[in-house]
PDB file of N, CA and C in Angstrom:
ATOM      1  N   MET A   1     127.713 127.388 177.831  1.00  0.00           N
ATOM      2  CA  MET A   1     126.188 126.957 177.719  1.00  0.00           C
ATOM      3  C   MET A   1     125.791 127.097 176.262  1.00  0.00           C
ATOM      4  N   PHE A   2     126.042 128.482 175.893  1.00  0.00           N
ATOM      5  CA  PHE A   2     125.542 128.888 174.457  1.00  0.00           C
ATOM      6  C   PHE A   2     126.223 127.993 173.467  1.00  0.00           C
ATOM      7  N   GLU A   3     127.272 127.588 173.628  1.00  0.00           N
ATOM      8  CA  GLU A   3     128.157 126.846 172.726  1.00  0.00           C
ATOM      9  C   GLU A   3     127.355 125.456 172.632  1.00  0.00           C
ATOM     10  N   LYS A   4     126.924 124.845 173.671  1.00  0.00           N
ATOM     11  CA  LYS A   4     126.142 123.627 173.678  1.00  0.00           C
ATOM     12  C   LYS A   4     124.847 123.647 172.988  1.00  0.00           C
ATOM     13  N   VAL A   5     124.154 124.911 173.143  1.00  0.00           N
ATOM     14  CA  VAL A   5     122.891 125.144 172.441  1.00  0.00           C
ATOM     15  C   VAL A   5     123.122 125.176 170.940  1.00  0.00           C
ATOM     16  N   LYS A   6     124.291 125.886 170.616  1.00  0.00           N
ATOM     17  CA  LYS A   6     124.552 126.067 169.153  1.00  0.00           C
ATOM     18  C   LYS A   6     124.992 124.833 168.579  1.00  0.00           C
ATOM     19  N   ILE A   7     125.747 123.928 169.189  1.00  0.00           N
ATOM     20  CA  ILE A   7     126.027 122.594 168.671  1.00  0.00           C
ATOM     21  C   ILE A   7     124.739 121.698 168.523  1.00  0.00           C
ATOM     22  N   PHE A   8     123.881 121.841 169.541  1.00  0.00           N
ATOM     23  CA  PHE A   8     122.705 121.141 169.456  1.00  0.00           C
ATOM     24  C   PHE A   8     121.709 121.469 168.234  1.00  0.00           C
ATOM     25  N   LEU A   9     121.695 122.797 168.063  1.00  0.00           N
ATOM     26  CA  LEU A   9     120.876 123.206 166.998  1.00  0.00           C
ATOM     27  C   LEU A   9     121.398 123.035 165.590  1.00  0.00           C
ATOM     28  N   GLU A  10     122.753 122.866 165.508  1.00  0.00           N
ATOM     29  CA  GLU A  10     123.354 122.510 164.266  1.00  0.00           C
ATOM     30  C   GLU A  10     123.169 121.006 164.034  1.00  0.00           C
ATOM     31  N   GLU A  11     123.210 120.164 165.052  1.00  0.00           N
ATOM     32  CA  GLU A  11     122.936 118.712 164.964  1.00  0.00           C
ATOM     33  C   GLU A  11     121.473 118.384 164.535  1.00  0.00           C
ATOM     34  N   VAL A  12     120.498 119.258 165.091  1.00  0.00           N
ATOM     35  CA  VAL A  12     119.189 119.184 164.791  1.00  0.00           C
ATOM     36  C   VAL A  12     119.000 119.450 163.273  1.00  0.00           C
ATOM     37  N   LYS A  13     119.639 120.402 162.798  1.00  0.00           N
ATOM     38  CA  LYS A  13     119.585 120.850 161.390  1.00  0.00           C
ATOM     39  C   LYS A  13     120.027 119.825 160.519  1.00  0.00           C
ATOM     40  N   ALA A  14     121.136 119.162 160.848  1.00  0.00           N
ATOM     41  CA  ALA A  14     121.772 118.072 160.043  1.00  0.00           C
ATOM     42  C   ALA A  14     120.732 116.795 160.067  1.00  0.00           C
ATOM     43  N   GLU A  15     120.127 116.616 161.231  1.00  0.00           N
ATOM     44  CA  GLU A  15     119.267 115.410 161.287  1.00  0.00           C
ATOM     45  C   GLU A  15     118.007 115.686 160.402  1.00  0.00           C
ATOM     46  N   ILE A  16     117.499 116.981 160.520  1.00  0.00           N
ATOM     47  CA  ILE A  16     116.328 117.185 159.683  1.00  0.00           C
ATOM     48  C   ILE A  16     116.543 117.051 158.116  1.00  0.00           C
ATOM     49  N   LYS A  17     117.737 117.424 157.718  1.00  0.00           N
ATOM     50  CA  LYS A  17     118.133 117.261 156.359  1.00  0.00           C
ATOM     51  C   LYS A  17     118.049 115.798 155.882  1.00  0.00           C
ATOM     52  N   LYS A  18     118.268 114.895 156.859  1.00  0.00           N
ATOM     53  CA  LYS A  18     118.302 113.340 156.636  1.00  0.00           C
ATOM     54  C   LYS A  18     116.761 112.894 156.581  1.00  0.00           C
ATOM     55  N   VAL A  19     115.811 113.552 156.820  1.00  0.00           N
ATOM     56  CA  VAL A  19     114.442 113.039 157.074  1.00  0.00           C
ATOM     57  C   VAL A  19     113.953 112.914 155.552  1.00  0.00           C
ATOM     58  N   VAL A  20     113.190 111.910 155.424  1.00  0.00           N
ATOM     59  CA  VAL A  20     112.629 111.587 153.936  1.00  0.00           C
ATOM     60  C   VAL A  20     111.182 111.920 154.300  1.00  0.00           C
ATOM     61  N   TRP A  21     110.758 113.249 153.698  1.00  0.00           N
ATOM     62  CA  TRP A  21     109.469 113.671 154.025  1.00  0.00           C
ATOM     63  C   TRP A  21     108.534 112.995 153.012  1.00  0.00           C
ATOM     64  N   PRO A  22     107.239 112.762 153.440  1.00  0.00           N
ATOM     65  CA  PRO A  22     106.187 112.172 152.533  1.00  0.00           C
ATOM     66  C   PRO A  22     105.861 113.099 151.372  1.00  0.00           C
ATOM     67  N   LYS A  23     105.441 112.524 150.267  1.00  0.00           N
ATOM     68  CA  LYS A  23     104.945 113.278 149.259  1.00  0.00           C
ATOM     69  C   LYS A  23     103.428 113.745 149.491  1.00  0.00           C
ATOM     70  N   LYS A  24     102.949 114.709 148.754  1.00  0.00           N
ATOM     71  CA  LYS A  24     101.703 115.180 149.017  1.00  0.00           C
ATOM     72  C   LYS A  24     100.691 114.157 148.819  1.00  0.00           C
ATOM     73  N   ARG A  25     100.719 113.255 147.748  1.00  0.00           N
ATOM     74  CA  ARG A  25      99.801 112.227 147.481  1.00  0.00           C
ATOM     75  C   ARG A  25      99.769 111.350 148.647  1.00  0.00           C
ATOM     76  N   GLU A  26     100.944 111.049 149.196  1.00  0.00           N
ATOM     77  CA  GLU A  26     100.855 109.920 150.354  1.00  0.00           C
ATOM     78  C   GLU A  26     100.208 110.490 151.694  1.00  0.00           C
ATOM     79  N   ILE A  27     100.399 111.859 151.832  1.00  0.00           N
ATOM     80  CA  ILE A  27      99.696 112.514 152.909  1.00  0.00           C
ATOM     81  C   ILE A  27      98.153 112.576 152.652  1.00  0.00           C
ATOM     82  N   VAL A  28      97.862 112.955 151.518  1.00  0.00           N
ATOM     83  CA  VAL A  28      96.293 112.876 151.049  1.00  0.00           C
ATOM     84  C   VAL A  28      95.781 111.595 151.329  1.00  0.00           C
ATOM     85  N   THR A  29      96.426 110.398 150.789  1.00  0.00           N
ATOM     86  CA  THR A  29      95.936 109.149 150.916  1.00  0.00           C
ATOM     87  C   THR A  29      95.828 108.607 152.396  1.00  0.00           C
ATOM     88  N   ALA A  30      96.866 109.006 153.142  1.00  0.00           N
ATOM     89  CA  ALA A  30      96.758 108.576 154.634  1.00  0.00           C
ATOM     90  C   ALA A  30      95.653 109.333 155.317  1.00  0.00           C
ATOM     91  N   THR A  31      95.350 110.541 154.943  1.00  0.00           N
ATOM     92  CA  THR A  31      94.355 111.354 155.616  1.00  0.00           C
ATOM     93  C   THR A  31      93.104 110.785 155.284  1.00  0.00           C
ATOM     94  N   ILE A  32      93.011 110.553 154.037  1.00  0.00           N
ATOM     95  CA  ILE A  32      91.521 109.832 153.590  1.00  0.00           C
ATOM     96  C   ILE A  32      91.521 108.656 154.298  1.00  0.00           C
ATOM     97  N   ALA A  33      92.361 107.747 154.355  1.00  0.00           N
ATOM     98  CA  ALA A  33      92.264 106.392 155.111  1.00  0.00           C
ATOM     99  C   ALA A  33      91.963 106.684 156.586  1.00  0.00           C
ATOM    100  N   VAL A  34      92.540 107.655 157.333  1.00  0.00           N
ATOM    101  CA  VAL A  34      92.108 107.996 158.680  1.00  0.00           C
ATOM    102  C   VAL A  34      90.720 108.420 158.774  1.00  0.00           C
ATOM    103  N   ILE A  35      90.368 109.282 157.955  1.00  0.00           N
ATOM    104  CA  ILE A  35      88.872 109.837 157.855  1.00  0.00           C
ATOM    105  C   ILE A  35      87.788 108.694 157.752  1.00  0.00           C
ATOM    106  N   VAL A  36      88.111 107.871 156.708  1.00  0.00           N
ATOM    107  CA  VAL A  36      87.241 106.734 156.498  1.00  0.00           C
ATOM    108  C   VAL A  36      87.165 105.724 157.613  1.00  0.00           C
ATOM    109  N   PHE A  37      88.411 105.406 158.130  1.00  0.00           N
ATOM    110  CA  PHE A  37      88.413 104.511 159.276  1.00  0.00           C
ATOM    111  C   PHE A  37      87.695 104.976 160.616  1.00  0.00           C
ATOM    112  N   SER A  38      87.903 106.285 160.770  1.00  0.00           N
ATOM    113  CA  SER A  38      87.316 107.014 161.846  1.00  0.00           C
ATOM    114  C   SER A  38      85.660 106.917 161.700  1.00  0.00           C
ATOM    115  N   PHE A  39      85.168 107.172 160.568  1.00  0.00           N
ATOM    116  CA  PHE A  39      83.750 107.214 160.271  1.00  0.00           C
ATOM    117  C   PHE A  39      83.270 105.739 160.479  1.00  0.00           C
ATOM    118  N   VAL A  40      83.977 104.700 159.913  1.00  0.00           N
ATOM    119  CA  VAL A  40      83.530 103.249 160.103  1.00  0.00           C
ATOM    120  C   VAL A  40      83.405 102.945 161.509  1.00  0.00           C
ATOM    121  N   VAL A  41      84.456 103.386 162.357  1.00  0.00           N
ATOM    122  CA  VAL A  41      84.521 102.873 163.748  1.00  0.00           C
ATOM    123  C   VAL A  41      83.380 103.727 164.469  1.00  0.00           C
ATOM    124  N   SER A  42      83.135 104.922 164.163  1.00  0.00           N
ATOM    125  CA  SER A  42      82.123 105.742 164.721  1.00  0.00           C
ATOM    126  C   SER A  42      80.601 105.264 164.456  1.00  0.00           C
ATOM    127  N   VAL A  43      80.624 104.803 163.299  1.00  0.00           N
ATOM    128  CA  VAL A  43      79.179 104.065 162.977  1.00  0.00           C
ATOM    129  C   VAL A  43      78.935 102.862 163.686  1.00  0.00           C
ATOM    130  N   LEU A  44      80.133 102.017 163.801  1.00  0.00           N
ATOM    131  CA  LEU A  44      80.119 100.696 164.650  1.00  0.00           C
ATOM    132  C   LEU A  44      79.769 100.882 166.031  1.00  0.00           C
ATOM    133  N   LEU A  45      80.463 101.850 166.577  1.00  0.00           N
ATOM    134  CA  LEU A  45      80.324 102.272 168.053  1.00  0.00           C
ATOM    135  C   LEU A  45      78.927 102.855 168.321  1.00  0.00           C
ATOM    136  N   GLY A  46      78.213 103.564 167.325  1.00  0.00           N
ATOM    137  CA  GLY A  46      77.005 104.112 167.493  1.00  0.00           C
ATOM    138  C   GLY A  46      76.010 103.031 167.374  1.00  0.00           C
ATOM    139  N   LEU A  47      76.222 102.173 166.404  1.00  0.00           N
ATOM    140  CA  LEU A  47      75.333 100.954 166.328  1.00  0.00           C
ATOM    141  C   LEU A  47      75.266 100.001 167.650  1.00  0.00           C
ATOM    142  N   LEU A  48      76.452  99.852 168.227  1.00  0.00           N
ATOM    143  CA  LEU A  48      76.655  99.066 169.388  1.00  0.00           C
ATOM    144  C   LEU A  48      75.869  99.673 170.560  1.00  0.00           C
ATOM    145  N   ASP A  49      76.046 100.985 170.605  1.00  0.00           N
ATOM    146  CA  ASP A  49      75.464 101.793 171.751  1.00  0.00           C
ATOM    147  C   ASP A  49      73.934 101.738 171.517  1.00  0.00           C
ATOM    148  N   PHE A  50      73.241 101.805 170.299  1.00  0.00           N
ATOM    149  CA  PHE A  50      71.965 101.783 170.086  1.00  0.00           C
ATOM    150  C   PHE A  50      71.492 100.345 170.533  1.00  0.00           C
ATOM    151  N   ILE A  51      72.264  99.160 170.175  1.00  0.00           N
ATOM    152  CA  ILE A  51      71.746  98.026 170.468  1.00  0.00           C
ATOM    153  C   ILE A  51      71.724  97.721 171.896  1.00  0.00           C
ATOM    154  N   PHE A  52      72.784  98.103 172.590  1.00  0.00           N
ATOM    155  CA  PHE A  52      72.889  97.871 173.974  1.00  0.00           C
ATOM    156  C   PHE A  52      71.855  98.719 174.883  1.00  0.00           C
ATOM    157  N   SER A  53      71.701 100.052 174.296  1.00  0.00           N
ATOM    158  CA  SER A  53      70.576 100.864 174.962  1.00  0.00           C
ATOM    159  C   SER A  53      69.225 100.311 174.699  1.00  0.00           C
ATOM    160  N   TYR A  54      69.045  99.870 173.644  1.00  0.00           N
ATOM    161  CA  TYR A  54      67.697  99.037 173.242  1.00  0.00           C
ATOM    162  C   TYR A  54      67.431  97.825 174.077  1.00  0.00           C
ATOM    163  N   GLY A  55      68.499  97.070 174.241  1.00  0.00           N
ATOM    164  CA  GLY A  55      68.357  95.760 174.994  1.00  0.00           C
ATOM    165  C   GLY A  55      68.251  96.071 176.494  1.00  0.00           C
ATOM    166  N   LEU A  56      69.055  97.032 177.057  1.00  0.00           N
ATOM    167  CA  LEU A  56      68.810  97.325 178.395  1.00  0.00           C
ATOM    168  C   LEU A  56      67.462  97.976 178.831  1.00  0.00           C
ATOM    169  N   GLU A  57      66.943  98.748 177.788  1.00  0.00           N
ATOM    170  CA  GLU A  57      65.633  99.342 178.017  1.00  0.00           C
ATOM    171  C   GLU A  57      64.613  98.212 178.020  1.00  0.00           C
ATOM    172  N   LYS A  58      64.681  97.355 177.128  1.00  0.00           N
ATOM    173  CA  LYS A  58      63.624  96.244 177.137  1.00  0.00           C
ATOM    174  C   LYS A  58      63.880  95.359 178.361  1.00  0.00           C
ATOM    175  N   LEU A  59      65.022  95.125 178.814  1.00  0.00           N
ATOM    176  CA  LEU A  59      65.413  94.303 179.913  1.00  0.00           C
ATOM    177  C   LEU A  59      64.778  94.843 181.189  1.00  0.00           C
ATOM    178  N   PHE A  60      64.969  96.175 181.427  1.00  0.00           N
ATOM    179  CA  PHE A  60      64.560  96.796 182.692  1.00  0.00           C
ATOM    180  C   PHE A  60      63.106  97.476 182.667  1.00  0.00           C
ATOM    181  N   LYS A  61      62.433  97.215 181.585  1.00  0.00           N
ATOM    182  CA  LYS A  61      61.042  97.809 181.431  1.00  0.00           C
ATOM    183  C   LYS A  61      60.001  96.716 181.759  1.00  0.00           C
TER     184      LYS A  61
END
């Protein structure tokens, strides 16, 4: 059993060496894109929530 674990870990190590890791600039760019996209979506959802809340309030008053 320990031999299988050892082989598995050696294979994992070999596969990790094949991975092409992103550069710092790519990570920063992707992170900024995610933050901006999240902000835009949250503003749109907040705006829709406000519009629907206002509409329902006027409808049922």
